[in-house]
């Protein structure tokens, strides 16, 4: 067995993002997460209180829960 057969064929590495490209990519990803969070909030606000209780939520914690689920960190001041 040759080394090429054992390790597989060499593949070119995908270009990594540096500088402005990485900034644009991470900004776009954050905006996409924010839009998904807002859509989740719209859907959760449409539920009645009984349905929210069934899934373990209440109206006062919807925003904090949506932020946590979509990867936004706590703002650090104890509130929303």
PDB file of N, CA and C in Angstrom:
ATOM      1  N   UNK A   1       0.858  -1.170   0.000  1.00  0.00           N
ATOM      2  CA  UNK A   1       0.000   0.000   0.000  1.00  0.00           C
ATOM      3  C   UNK A   1       0.904   1.234   0.000  1.00  0.00           C
ATOM      4  N   UNK A   2       0.589   2.151  -0.869  1.00  0.00           N
ATOM      5  CA  UNK A   2       1.374   3.380  -0.929  1.00  0.00           C
ATOM      6  C   UNK A   2       0.807   4.401   0.042  1.00  0.00           C
ATOM      7  N   UNK A   3       1.573   5.428   0.288  1.00  0.00           N
ATOM      8  CA  UNK A   3       1.140   6.484   1.195  1.00  0.00           C
ATOM      9  C   UNK A   3      -0.097   7.185   0.657  1.00  0.00           C
ATOM     10  N   UNK A   4      -0.174   7.397  -0.657  1.00  0.00           N
ATOM     11  CA  UNK A   4      -1.325   8.073  -1.255  1.00  0.00           C
ATOM     12  C   UNK A   4      -2.590   7.251  -1.082  1.00  0.00           C
ATOM     13  N   UNK A   5      -2.479   5.924  -1.150  1.00  0.00           N
ATOM     14  CA  UNK A   5      -3.661   5.083  -0.961  1.00  0.00           C
ATOM     15  C   UNK A   5      -4.101   5.084   0.503  1.00  0.00           C
ATOM     16  N   UNK A   6      -3.151   5.156   1.410  1.00  0.00           N
ATOM     17  CA  UNK A   6      -3.468   5.115   2.829  1.00  0.00           C
ATOM     18  C   UNK A   6      -4.100   6.427   3.307  1.00  0.00           C
ATOM     19  N   UNK A   7      -3.536   7.541   2.929  1.00  0.00           N
ATOM     20  CA  UNK A   7      -4.023   8.838   3.396  1.00  0.00           C
ATOM     21  C   UNK A   7      -5.026   9.481   2.457  1.00  0.00           C
ATOM     22  N   UNK A   8      -5.242   8.931   1.286  1.00  0.00           N
ATOM     23  CA  UNK A   8      -6.153   9.524   0.329  1.00  0.00           C
ATOM     24  C   UNK A   8      -5.434  10.562  -0.516  1.00  0.00           C
ATOM     25  N   UNK A   9      -6.110  10.999  -1.537  1.00  0.00           N
ATOM     26  CA  UNK A   9      -5.514  11.973  -2.439  1.00  0.00           C
ATOM     27  C   UNK A   9      -5.486  13.347  -1.789  1.00  0.00           C
ATOM     28  N   UNK A  10      -4.488  14.101  -2.151  1.00  0.00           N
ATOM     29  CA  UNK A  10      -4.379  15.455  -1.613  1.00  0.00           C
ATOM     30  C   UNK A  10      -5.470  16.330  -2.205  1.00  0.00           C
ATOM     31  N   UNK A  11      -6.098  17.107  -1.353  1.00  0.00           N
ATOM     32  CA  UNK A  11      -7.146  18.020  -1.809  1.00  0.00           C
ATOM     33  C   UNK A  11      -6.708  19.436  -1.506  1.00  0.00           C
ATOM     34  N   UNK A  12      -7.005  20.345  -2.408  1.00  0.00           N
ATOM     35  CA  UNK A  12      -6.656  21.738  -2.099  1.00  0.00           C
ATOM     36  C   UNK A  12      -7.509  22.237  -0.939  1.00  0.00           C
ATOM     37  N   UNK A  13      -6.920  23.019  -0.079  1.00  0.00           N
ATOM     38  CA  UNK A  13      -7.657  23.567   1.050  1.00  0.00           C
ATOM     39  C   UNK A  13      -8.574  24.672   0.573  1.00  0.00           C
ATOM     40  N   UNK A  14      -9.731  24.738   1.202  1.00  0.00           N
ATOM     41  CA  UNK A  14     -10.643  25.818   0.854  1.00  0.00           C
ATOM     42  C   UNK A  14     -10.056  27.133   1.358  1.00  0.00           C
ATOM     43  N   UNK A  15     -10.259  28.184   0.621  1.00  0.00           N
ATOM     44  CA  UNK A  15      -9.695  29.468   1.066  1.00  0.00           C
ATOM     45  C   UNK A  15     -10.371  29.928   2.350  1.00  0.00           C
ATOM     46  N   UNK A  16      -9.592  30.358   3.289  1.00  0.00           N
ATOM     47  CA  UNK A  16     -10.159  30.844   4.539  1.00  0.00           C
ATOM     48  C   UNK A  16     -10.476  32.331   4.400  1.00  0.00           C
ATOM     49  N   UNK A  17     -11.362  32.768   5.238  1.00  0.00           N
ATOM     50  CA  UNK A  17     -11.780  34.166   5.187  1.00  0.00           C
ATOM     51  C   UNK A  17     -10.899  35.004   6.097  1.00  0.00           C
ATOM     52  N   UNK A  18     -10.340  36.046   5.573  1.00  0.00           N
ATOM     53  CA  UNK A  18      -9.511  36.954   6.363  1.00  0.00           C
ATOM     54  C   UNK A  18     -10.035  38.375   6.204  1.00  0.00           C
ATOM     55  N   UNK A  19      -9.815  39.171   7.197  1.00  0.00           N
ATOM     56  CA  UNK A  19     -10.091  40.596   7.111  1.00  0.00           C
ATOM     57  C   UNK A  19     -11.541  40.928   6.855  1.00  0.00           C
ATOM     58  N   UNK A  20     -11.768  41.711   5.817  1.00  0.00           N
ATOM     59  CA  UNK A  20     -13.111  42.214   5.511  1.00  0.00           C
ATOM     60  C   UNK A  20     -14.061  41.076   5.157  1.00  0.00           C
ATOM     61  N   UNK A  21     -13.570  40.047   4.482  1.00  0.00           N
ATOM     62  CA  UNK A  21     -14.433  38.920   4.124  1.00  0.00           C
ATOM     63  C   UNK A  21     -14.981  38.206   5.344  1.00  0.00           C
ATOM     64  N   UNK A  22     -14.132  38.029   6.328  1.00  0.00           N
ATOM     65  CA  UNK A  22     -14.559  37.377   7.557  1.00  0.00           C
ATOM     66  C   UNK A  22     -15.552  38.270   8.312  1.00  0.00           C
ATOM     67  N   UNK A  23     -15.320  39.557   8.321  1.00  0.00           N
ATOM     68  CA  UNK A  23     -16.238  40.487   8.983  1.00  0.00           C
ATOM     69  C   UNK A  23     -17.619  40.442   8.343  1.00  0.00           C
ATOM     70  N   UNK A  24     -17.665  40.468   7.019  1.00  0.00           N
ATOM     71  CA  UNK A  24     -18.944  40.429   6.298  1.00  0.00           C
ATOM     72  C   UNK A  24     -19.650  39.110   6.566  1.00  0.00           C
ATOM     73  N   UNK A  25     -18.900  38.022   6.541  1.00  0.00           N
ATOM     74  CA  UNK A  25     -19.492  36.706   6.774  1.00  0.00           C
ATOM     75  C   UNK A  25     -20.087  36.610   8.179  1.00  0.00           C
ATOM     76  N   UNK A  26     -19.339  37.036   9.208  1.00  0.00           N
ATOM     77  CA  UNK A  26     -19.841  36.933  10.576  1.00  0.00           C
ATOM     78  C   UNK A  26     -21.003  37.899  10.816  1.00  0.00           C
ATOM     79  N   UNK A  27     -20.960  39.063  10.189  1.00  0.00           N
ATOM     80  CA  UNK A  27     -22.067  40.007  10.325  1.00  0.00           C
ATOM     81  C   UNK A  27     -23.331  39.452   9.689  1.00  0.00           C
ATOM     82  N   UNK A  28     -23.194  38.853   8.515  1.00  0.00           N
ATOM     83  CA  UNK A  28     -24.347  38.258   7.843  1.00  0.00           C
ATOM     84  C   UNK A  28     -24.929  37.121   8.678  1.00  0.00           C
ATOM     85  N   UNK A  29     -24.065  36.294   9.276  1.00  0.00           N
ATOM     86  CA  UNK A  29     -24.538  35.193  10.111  1.00  0.00           C
ATOM     87  C   UNK A  29     -25.293  35.721  11.332  1.00  0.00           C
ATOM     88  N   UNK A  30     -24.793  36.803  11.941  1.00  0.00           N
ATOM     89  CA  UNK A  30     -25.458  37.367  13.100  1.00  0.00           C
ATOM     90  C   UNK A  30     -26.817  37.955  12.723  1.00  0.00           C
ATOM     91  N   UNK A  31     -26.915  38.622  11.590  1.00  0.00           N
ATOM     92  CA  UNK A  31     -28.198  39.185  11.143  1.00  0.00           C
ATOM     93  C   UNK A  31     -29.183  38.068  10.848  1.00  0.00           C
ATOM     94  N   UNK A  32     -28.714  36.979  10.267  1.00  0.00           N
ATOM     95  CA  UNK A  32     -29.583  35.842   9.970  1.00  0.00           C
ATOM     96  C   UNK A  32     -30.116  35.228  11.271  1.00  0.00           C
ATOM     97  N   UNK A  33     -29.245  35.087  12.290  1.00  0.00           N
ATOM     98  CA  UNK A  33     -29.714  34.571  13.582  1.00  0.00           C
ATOM     99  C   UNK A  33     -30.723  35.518  14.215  1.00  0.00           C
ATOM    100  N   UNK A  34     -30.476  36.826  14.105  1.00  0.00           N
ATOM    101  CA  UNK A  34     -31.389  37.810  14.675  1.00  0.00           C
ATOM    102  C   UNK A  34     -32.765  37.718  14.012  1.00  0.00           C
ATOM    103  N   UNK A  35     -32.789  37.562  12.684  1.00  0.00           N
ATOM    104  CA  UNK A  35     -34.069  37.435  11.967  1.00  0.00           C
ATOM    105  C   UNK A  35     -34.816  36.173  12.399  1.00  0.00           C
ATOM    106  N   UNK A  36     -34.090  35.081  12.579  1.00  0.00           N
ATOM    107  CA  UNK A  36     -34.731  33.846  13.048  1.00  0.00           C
ATOM    108  C   UNK A  36     -35.282  34.014  14.458  1.00  0.00           C
ATOM    109  N   UNK A  37     -34.553  34.725  15.312  1.00  0.00           N
ATOM    110  CA  UNK A  37     -35.018  34.969  16.666  1.00  0.00           C
ATOM    111  C   UNK A  37     -36.296  35.795  16.647  1.00  0.00           C
ATOM    112  N   UNK A  38     -36.332  36.843  15.831  1.00  0.00           N
ATOM    113  CA  UNK A  38     -37.529  37.683  15.744  1.00  0.00           C
ATOM    114  C   UNK A  38     -38.728  36.886  15.227  1.00  0.00           C
ATOM    115  N   UNK A  39     -38.502  36.000  14.260  1.00  0.00           N
ATOM    116  CA  UNK A  39     -39.588  35.169  13.736  1.00  0.00           C
ATOM    117  C   UNK A  39     -40.090  34.210  14.814  1.00  0.00           C
ATOM    118  N   UNK A  40     -39.185  33.653  15.600  1.00  0.00           N
ATOM    119  CA  UNK A  40     -39.594  32.768  16.696  1.00  0.00           C
ATOM    120  C   UNK A  40     -40.434  33.534  17.714  1.00  0.00           C
ATOM    121  N   UNK A  41     -40.050  34.787  18.000  1.00  0.00           N
ATOM    122  CA  UNK A  41     -40.828  35.606  18.936  1.00  0.00           C
ATOM    123  C   UNK A  41     -42.231  35.863  18.408  1.00  0.00           C
ATOM    124  N   UNK A  42     -42.341  36.140  17.123  1.00  0.00           N
ATOM    125  CA  UNK A  42     -43.665  36.368  16.525  1.00  0.00           C
ATOM    126  C   UNK A  42     -44.532  35.127  16.694  1.00  0.00           C
ATOM    127  N   UNK A  43     -43.958  33.956  16.431  1.00  0.00           N
ATOM    128  CA  UNK A  43     -44.725  32.719  16.539  1.00  0.00           C
ATOM    129  C   UNK A  43     -45.089  32.404  17.988  1.00  0.00           C
ATOM    130  N   UNK A  44     -44.168  32.646  18.910  1.00  0.00           N
ATOM    131  CA  UNK A  44     -44.470  32.376  20.315  1.00  0.00           C
ATOM    132  C   UNK A  44     -45.518  33.329  20.859  1.00  0.00           C
ATOM    133  N   UNK A  45     -45.503  34.577  20.426  1.00  0.00           N
ATOM    134  CA  UNK A  45     -46.490  35.549  20.911  1.00  0.00           C
ATOM    135  C   UNK A  45     -47.899  35.230  20.417  1.00  0.00           C
ATOM    136  N   UNK A  46     -48.009  34.453  19.344  1.00  0.00           N
ATOM    137  CA  UNK A  46     -49.319  34.060  18.836  1.00  0.00           C
ATOM    138  C   UNK A  46     -49.967  32.966  19.683  1.00  0.00           C
ATOM    139  N   UNK A  47     -49.175  32.264  20.493  1.00  0.00           N
ATOM    140  CA  UNK A  47     -49.712  31.194  21.329  1.00  0.00           C
ATOM    141  C   UNK A  47     -50.451  31.786  22.521  1.00  0.00           C
ATOM    142  N   UNK A  48     -51.478  31.071  22.987  1.00  0.00           N
ATOM    143  CA  UNK A  48     -52.173  31.545  24.184  1.00  0.00           C
ATOM    144  C   UNK A  48     -51.404  31.090  25.427  1.00  0.00           C
ATOM    145  N   UNK A  49     -51.815  31.621  26.579  1.00  0.00           N
ATOM    146  CA  UNK A  49     -51.079  31.370  27.829  1.00  0.00           C
ATOM    147  C   UNK A  49     -51.058  29.889  28.194  1.00  0.00           C
ATOM    148  N   UNK A  50     -52.127  29.176  27.918  1.00  0.00           N
ATOM    149  CA  UNK A  50     -52.180  27.752  28.245  1.00  0.00           C
ATOM    150  C   UNK A  50     -51.145  26.972  27.435  1.00  0.00           C
ATOM    151  N   UNK A  51     -51.026  27.282  26.155  1.00  0.00           N
ATOM    152  CA  UNK A  51     -50.047  26.589  25.319  1.00  0.00           C
ATOM    153  C   UNK A  51     -48.624  26.919  25.749  1.00  0.00           C
ATOM    154  N   UNK A  52     -48.379  28.163  26.130  1.00  0.00           N
ATOM    155  CA  UNK A  52     -47.054  28.535  26.617  1.00  0.00           C
ATOM    156  C   UNK A  52     -46.715  27.797  27.905  1.00  0.00           C
ATOM    157  N   UNK A  53     -47.703  27.665  28.789  1.00  0.00           N
ATOM    158  CA  UNK A  53     -47.483  26.938  30.035  1.00  0.00           C
ATOM    159  C   UNK A  53     -47.168  25.474  29.747  1.00  0.00           C
ATOM    160  N   UNK A  54     -47.831  24.899  28.757  1.00  0.00           N
ATOM    161  CA  UNK A  54     -47.581  23.505  28.401  1.00  0.00           C
ATOM    162  C   UNK A  54     -46.134  23.273  27.954  1.00  0.00           C
ATOM    163  N   UNK A  55     -45.526  24.247  27.320  1.00  0.00           N
ATOM    164  CA  UNK A  55     -44.138  24.075  26.878  1.00  0.00           C
ATOM    165  C   UNK A  55     -43.144  24.684  27.866  1.00  0.00           C
ATOM    166  N   UNK A  56     -43.648  25.140  29.019  1.00  0.00           N
ATOM    167  CA  UNK A  56     -42.771  25.602  30.089  1.00  0.00           C
ATOM    168  C   UNK A  56     -42.311  27.038  29.973  1.00  0.00           C
ATOM    169  N   UNK A  57     -43.090  27.874  29.301  1.00  0.00           N
ATOM    170  CA  UNK A  57     -42.731  29.288  29.143  1.00  0.00           C
ATOM    171  C   UNK A  57     -43.834  30.167  29.698  1.00  0.00           C
ATOM    172  N   UNK A  58     -43.507  31.415  29.938  1.00  0.00           N
ATOM    173  CA  UNK A  58     -44.515  32.418  30.264  1.00  0.00           C
ATOM    174  C   UNK A  58     -44.188  33.668  29.456  1.00  0.00           C
ATOM    175  N   UNK A  59     -45.133  34.545  29.318  1.00  0.00           N
ATOM    176  CA  UNK A  59     -44.959  35.714  28.450  1.00  0.00           C
ATOM    177  C   UNK A  59     -43.781  36.594  28.862  1.00  0.00           C
ATOM    178  N   UNK A  60     -43.502  36.647  30.147  1.00  0.00           N
ATOM    179  CA  UNK A  60     -42.437  37.537  30.608  1.00  0.00           C
ATOM    180  C   UNK A  60     -41.039  37.018  30.267  1.00  0.00           C
ATOM    181  N   UNK A  61     -40.910  35.754  29.902  1.00  0.00           N
ATOM    182  CA  UNK A  61     -39.588  35.205  29.592  1.00  0.00           C
ATOM    183  C   UNK A  61     -39.395  34.881  28.118  1.00  0.00           C
ATOM    184  N   UNK A  62     -40.328  35.253  27.271  1.00  0.00           N
ATOM    185  CA  UNK A  62     -40.223  34.893  25.854  1.00  0.00           C
ATOM    186  C   UNK A  62     -38.973  35.486  25.198  1.00  0.00           C
ATOM    187  N   UNK A  63     -38.724  36.762  25.425  1.00  0.00           N
ATOM    188  CA  UNK A  63     -37.593  37.422  24.775  1.00  0.00           C
ATOM    189  C   UNK A  63     -36.261  36.832  25.235  1.00  0.00           C
ATOM    190  N   UNK A  64     -36.114  36.639  26.546  1.00  0.00           N
ATOM    191  CA  UNK A  64     -34.868  36.074  27.071  1.00  0.00           C
ATOM    192  C   UNK A  64     -34.656  34.650  26.567  1.00  0.00           C
ATOM    193  N   UNK A  65     -35.714  33.875  26.493  1.00  0.00           N
ATOM    194  CA  UNK A  65     -35.604  32.506  26.005  1.00  0.00           C
ATOM    195  C   UNK A  65     -35.218  32.488  24.537  1.00  0.00           C
ATOM    196  N   UNK A  66     -35.827  33.335  23.736  1.00  0.00           N
ATOM    197  CA  UNK A  66     -35.502  33.379  22.306  1.00  0.00           C
ATOM    198  C   UNK A  66     -34.054  33.812  22.090  1.00  0.00           C
ATOM    199  N   UNK A  67     -33.572  34.773  22.863  1.00  0.00           N
ATOM    200  CA  UNK A  67     -32.166  35.202  22.756  1.00  0.00           C
ATOM    201  C   UNK A  67     -31.229  34.052  23.095  1.00  0.00           C
ATOM    202  N   UNK A  68     -31.532  33.332  24.151  1.00  0.00           N
ATOM    203  CA  UNK A  68     -30.668  32.238  24.585  1.00  0.00           C
ATOM    204  C   UNK A  68     -30.645  31.107  23.554  1.00  0.00           C
ATOM    205  N   UNK A  69     -31.802  30.747  23.033  1.00  0.00           N
ATOM    206  CA  UNK A  69     -31.885  29.650  22.073  1.00  0.00           C
ATOM    207  C   UNK A  69     -31.132  29.982  20.787  1.00  0.00           C
ATOM    208  N   UNK A  70     -31.163  31.221  20.374  1.00  0.00           N
ATOM    209  CA  UNK A  70     -30.522  31.603  19.115  1.00  0.00           C
ATOM    210  C   UNK A  70     -29.084  32.086  19.294  1.00  0.00           C
ATOM    211  N   UNK A  71     -28.510  31.892  20.471  1.00  0.00           N
ATOM    212  CA  UNK A  71     -27.086  32.118  20.668  1.00  0.00           C
ATOM    213  C   UNK A  71     -26.663  33.528  21.015  1.00  0.00           C
ATOM    214  N   UNK A  72     -27.593  34.380  21.403  1.00  0.00           N
ATOM    215  CA  UNK A  72     -27.224  35.717  21.838  1.00  0.00           C
ATOM    216  C   UNK A  72     -26.988  35.674  23.336  1.00  0.00           C
ATOM    217  N   UNK A  73     -25.875  36.202  23.767  1.00  0.00           N
ATOM    218  CA  UNK A  73     -25.509  36.130  25.179  1.00  0.00           C
ATOM    219  C   UNK A  73     -26.308  37.122  25.999  1.00  0.00           C
ATOM    220  N   UNK A  74     -26.308  36.852  27.308  1.00  0.00           N
ATOM    221  CA  UNK A  74     -26.946  37.751  28.262  1.00  0.00           C
ATOM    222  C   UNK A  74     -26.268  39.120  28.196  1.00  0.00           C
ATOM    223  N   UNK A  75     -27.038  40.160  28.329  1.00  0.00           N
ATOM    224  CA  UNK A  75     -26.489  41.510  28.224  1.00  0.00           C
ATOM    225  C   UNK A  75     -25.702  41.924  29.452  1.00  0.00           C
ATOM    226  N   UNK A  76     -25.779  41.143  30.534  1.00  0.00           N
ATOM    227  CA  UNK A  76     -24.925  41.388  31.677  1.00  0.00           C
ATOM    228  C   UNK A  76     -25.459  42.317  32.736  1.00  0.00           C
ATOM    229  N   UNK A  77     -26.632  42.888  32.551  1.00  0.00           N
ATOM    230  CA  UNK A  77     -27.150  43.800  33.567  1.00  0.00           C
ATOM    231  C   UNK A  77     -28.344  43.220  34.305  1.00  0.00           C
ATOM    232  N   UNK A  78     -28.594  41.941  34.144  1.00  0.00           N
ATOM    233  CA  UNK A  78     -29.632  41.267  34.905  1.00  0.00           C
ATOM    234  C   UNK A  78     -31.035  41.413  34.337  1.00  0.00           C
ATOM    235  N   UNK A  79     -31.219  42.239  33.368  1.00  0.00           N
ATOM    236  CA  UNK A  79     -32.537  42.413  32.762  1.00  0.00           C
ATOM    237  C   UNK A  79     -32.556  41.894  31.347  1.00  0.00           C
ATOM    238  N   UNK A  80     -33.485  42.362  30.592  1.00  0.00           N
ATOM    239  CA  UNK A  80     -33.576  41.946  29.197  1.00  0.00           C
ATOM    240  C   UNK A  80     -32.723  42.866  28.401  1.00  0.00           C
TER     241      UNK A  80
END
